[in-house]
Amino acid sequence: MRIEVVQGDITRIETDVVVNAANSGLLGGGGVDGAIHRAGGPAILEATKKLRATTHPDGLAAGDAVATTAGELPARWVVHTVGPVYSASEDRSATLRSAYISSLRVAEALGAGSIAFPLISAGVYGWPVDDAARRAVAAIAEFGDSATALDSVTLVAFDGVAASALRRALEA
């Protein structure tokens, strides 16, 4: 499995799966979540509303993942995952790892060959960028060590700080 880092807008990445760093409500929000909902159009919101009405009436738990259509995005699916809010006093790294692994499993179950991730929890959820990058790369690499149909993972950094952190983590 090939892992690459790009800096840019995740809503413009041509891939089978785009991962949305969602909130537990699944109905859109700020940051990556809002950008994906805006760029993907109303089909994504309709799909997440159906999830809330059926299988996830209480929302999506942190560390879990679920798929919907990608609407107007240049992808086939959106995998929505909820990362943990960073805490200096409580170790939530297993939940962050789970957000990546759960997303990869959902993508694999869909038959996807490629997936694009934002840096989960490193925005408004406050996870320190360097640590978030190390944990993202470690989780993805661990998953890639097993037999998987996924050919490529693109880590999409919104800015240069995140791109540098991801490249350092990938080289380590």
Protein backbone atom coordinates (compact mmCIF):
# COMPACT_ATOMS: atom_id res chain seq x y z
CA MET A 1 0.00 0.00 0.00
CA ARG A 2 1.43 3.36 -1.07
CA ILE A 3 1.11 6.33 1.30
CA GLU A 4 1.63 9.87 0.03
CA VAL A 5 1.22 13.36 1.44
CA VAL A 6 -0.27 16.25 -0.51
CA GLN A 7 -1.13 19.76 0.56
CA GLY A 8 -4.44 21.03 -0.70
CA ASP A 9 -8.21 20.79 -0.61
CA ILE A 10 -9.47 17.30 0.21
CA THR A 11 -12.72 17.99 -1.64
CA ARG A 12 -10.78 18.12 -4.92
CA ILE A 13 -8.89 14.83 -4.55
CA GLU A 14 -9.82 12.17 -7.10
CA THR A 15 -10.06 8.96 -5.10
CA ASP A 16 -12.48 6.17 -4.32
CA VAL A 17 -13.03 7.31 -0.71
CA VAL A 18 -12.70 10.69 0.96
CA VAL A 19 -12.64 10.55 4.74
CA ASN A 20 -14.66 13.18 6.53
CA ALA A 21 -13.49 14.23 9.98
CA ALA A 22 -17.10 14.52 11.11
CA ASN A 23 -18.77 15.38 14.35
CA SER A 24 -20.94 12.77 16.01
CA GLY A 25 -24.12 14.38 14.68
CA LEU A 26 -23.14 13.54 11.07
CA LEU A 27 -25.11 16.50 9.73
CA GLY A 28 -22.24 18.79 8.75
CA GLY A 29 -20.23 21.31 10.67
CA GLY A 30 -17.09 23.36 10.33
CA GLY A 31 -13.64 22.61 8.98
CA VAL A 32 -13.25 19.52 6.80
CA ASP A 33 -16.78 18.39 7.67
CA GLY A 34 -18.38 21.59 6.40
CA ALA A 35 -16.18 21.68 3.30
CA ILE A 36 -17.12 18.11 2.36
CA HIS A 37 -20.82 18.76 2.86
CA ARG A 38 -20.68 21.99 0.82
CA ALA A 39 -18.64 20.55 -2.05
CA GLY A 40 -20.52 17.25 -2.13
CA GLY A 41 -23.93 18.87 -2.25
CA PRO A 42 -27.24 17.85 -0.69
CA ALA A 43 -26.89 14.10 -1.41
CA ILE A 44 -24.39 13.72 1.45
CA LEU A 45 -26.67 15.45 3.96
CA GLU A 46 -29.62 13.35 2.83
CA ALA A 47 -27.56 10.18 3.31
CA THR A 48 -26.39 11.20 6.77
CA LYS A 49 -29.96 12.11 7.75
CA LYS A 50 -31.01 8.58 6.77
CA LEU A 51 -28.23 7.15 8.94
CA ARG A 52 -29.43 9.24 11.88
CA ALA A 53 -33.01 8.09 11.29
CA THR A 54 -32.05 4.41 11.12
CA THR A 55 -28.76 2.90 12.27
CA HIS A 56 -27.26 5.86 14.18
CA PRO A 57 -30.12 7.69 15.95
CA ASP A 58 -27.74 8.86 18.69
CA GLY A 59 -24.99 9.85 16.26
CA LEU A 60 -21.66 8.23 15.49
CA ALA A 61 -19.33 7.40 18.35
CA ALA A 62 -15.76 8.69 18.37
CA GLY A 63 -13.48 6.17 16.69
CA ASP A 64 -16.23 4.66 14.53
CA ALA A 65 -16.79 5.13 10.79
CA VAL A 66 -19.66 4.88 8.33
CA ALA A 67 -19.98 5.39 4.57
CA THR A 68 -22.30 7.46 2.40
CA THR A 69 -22.41 8.63 -1.17
CA ALA A 70 -19.87 11.28 -2.15
CA GLY A 71 -22.46 13.35 -3.98
CA GLU A 72 -20.71 15.80 -6.30
CA LEU A 73 -17.20 15.14 -4.97
CA PRO A 74 -14.64 13.51 -7.32
CA ALA A 75 -14.86 10.35 -5.19
CA ARG A 76 -17.25 7.41 -5.02
CA TRP A 77 -17.89 7.46 -1.28
CA VAL A 78 -17.40 9.54 1.84
CA VAL A 79 -16.39 7.67 4.97
CA HIS A 80 -17.41 9.73 7.98
CA THR A 81 -15.40 9.20 11.15
CA VAL A 82 -15.36 11.00 14.48
CA GLY A 83 -12.00 11.68 16.05
CA PRO A 84 -11.55 12.41 19.72
CA VAL A 85 -11.21 15.87 21.19
CA TYR A 86 -7.64 16.21 22.46
CA SER A 87 -7.07 16.07 26.22
CA ALA A 88 -3.75 16.70 27.94
CA SER A 89 -5.02 14.85 31.02
CA GLU A 90 -6.58 11.77 29.39
CA ASP A 91 -4.98 9.46 26.80
CA ARG A 92 -7.41 9.29 23.88
CA SER A 93 -4.88 8.00 21.35
CA ALA A 94 -6.64 4.61 21.01
CA THR A 95 -9.76 6.42 19.84
CA LEU A 96 -7.75 8.43 17.32
CA ARG A 97 -6.14 5.22 16.03
CA SER A 98 -9.59 3.63 15.81
CA ALA A 99 -10.88 6.51 13.66
CA TYR A 100 -8.21 5.69 11.05
CA ILE A 101 -8.50 1.89 11.28
CA SER A 102 -12.32 1.97 11.19
CA SER A 103 -12.23 4.22 8.13
CA LEU A 104 -9.80 1.89 6.37
CA ARG A 105 -11.97 -1.13 7.18
CA VAL A 106 -15.10 0.56 5.85
CA ALA A 107 -13.26 1.59 2.67
CA GLU A 108 -11.96 -1.94 2.22
CA ALA A 109 -15.47 -3.39 2.71
CA LEU A 110 -16.72 -1.04 -0.03
CA GLY A 111 -14.09 -2.45 -2.40
CA ALA A 112 -12.20 0.83 -2.60
CA GLY A 113 -8.67 0.91 -3.98
CA SER A 114 -7.79 4.43 -2.85
CA ILE A 115 -8.59 6.62 0.13
CA ALA A 116 -7.81 10.22 1.14
CA PHE A 117 -7.60 11.31 4.77
CA PRO A 118 -7.47 14.70 6.44
CA LEU A 119 -5.44 14.93 9.64
CA ILE A 120 -8.16 13.76 12.03
CA SER A 121 -8.64 15.68 15.30
CA ALA A 122 -5.83 18.17 14.51
CA GLY A 123 -8.18 21.06 13.71
CA VAL A 124 -10.87 22.32 16.06
CA TYR A 125 -10.51 19.17 18.20
CA GLY A 126 -7.10 20.49 19.25
CA TRP A 127 -4.81 17.48 18.80
CA PRO A 128 -1.18 18.69 18.45
CA VAL A 129 -0.31 18.47 14.74
CA ASP A 130 3.02 16.63 15.06
CA ASP A 131 1.56 13.98 17.34
CA ALA A 132 -1.59 13.64 15.21
CA ALA A 133 0.61 13.12 12.13
CA ARG A 134 2.72 10.43 13.83
CA ARG A 135 -0.37 8.61 15.02
CA ALA A 136 -2.06 8.82 11.61
CA VAL A 137 0.94 7.39 9.78
CA ALA A 138 1.43 4.65 12.38
CA ALA A 139 -2.21 3.51 12.21
CA ILE A 140 -2.29 3.52 8.41
CA ALA A 141 1.05 1.72 8.13
CA GLU A 142 -0.09 -0.89 10.65
CA PHE A 143 -3.25 -1.51 8.62
CA GLY A 144 -1.21 -1.68 5.42
CA ASP A 145 0.94 -4.45 6.90
CA SER A 146 -2.06 -6.77 6.62
CA ALA A 147 -3.41 -8.05 3.32
CA THR A 148 -5.60 -5.26 1.95
CA ALA A 149 -7.21 -4.37 -1.34
CA LEU A 150 -6.38 -0.71 -0.76
CA ASP A 151 -3.60 0.36 -3.13
CA SER A 152 -3.07 3.94 -2.03
CA VAL A 153 -3.62 6.29 0.87
CA THR A 154 -3.35 10.03 0.38
CA LEU A 155 -2.86 12.16 3.48
CA VAL A 156 -4.24 15.57 2.59
CA ALA A 157 -2.82 18.47 4.58
CA PHE A 158 -4.75 21.72 4.63
CA ASP A 159 -1.63 23.81 5.22
CA GLY A 160 2.16 23.66 5.14
CA VAL A 161 2.51 22.97 8.86
CA ALA A 162 0.40 19.82 8.64
CA ALA A 163 2.07 18.77 5.36
CA SER A 164 5.52 19.05 6.93
CA ALA A 165 4.42 17.13 10.02
CA LEU A 166 2.95 14.34 7.86
CA ARG A 167 6.07 14.13 5.67
CA ARG A 168 8.30 13.90 8.77
CA ALA A 169 6.09 11.16 10.21
CA LEU A 170 6.13 9.25 6.93
CA GLU A 171 9.93 9.43 6.68
CA ALA A 172 10.44 8.28 10.28
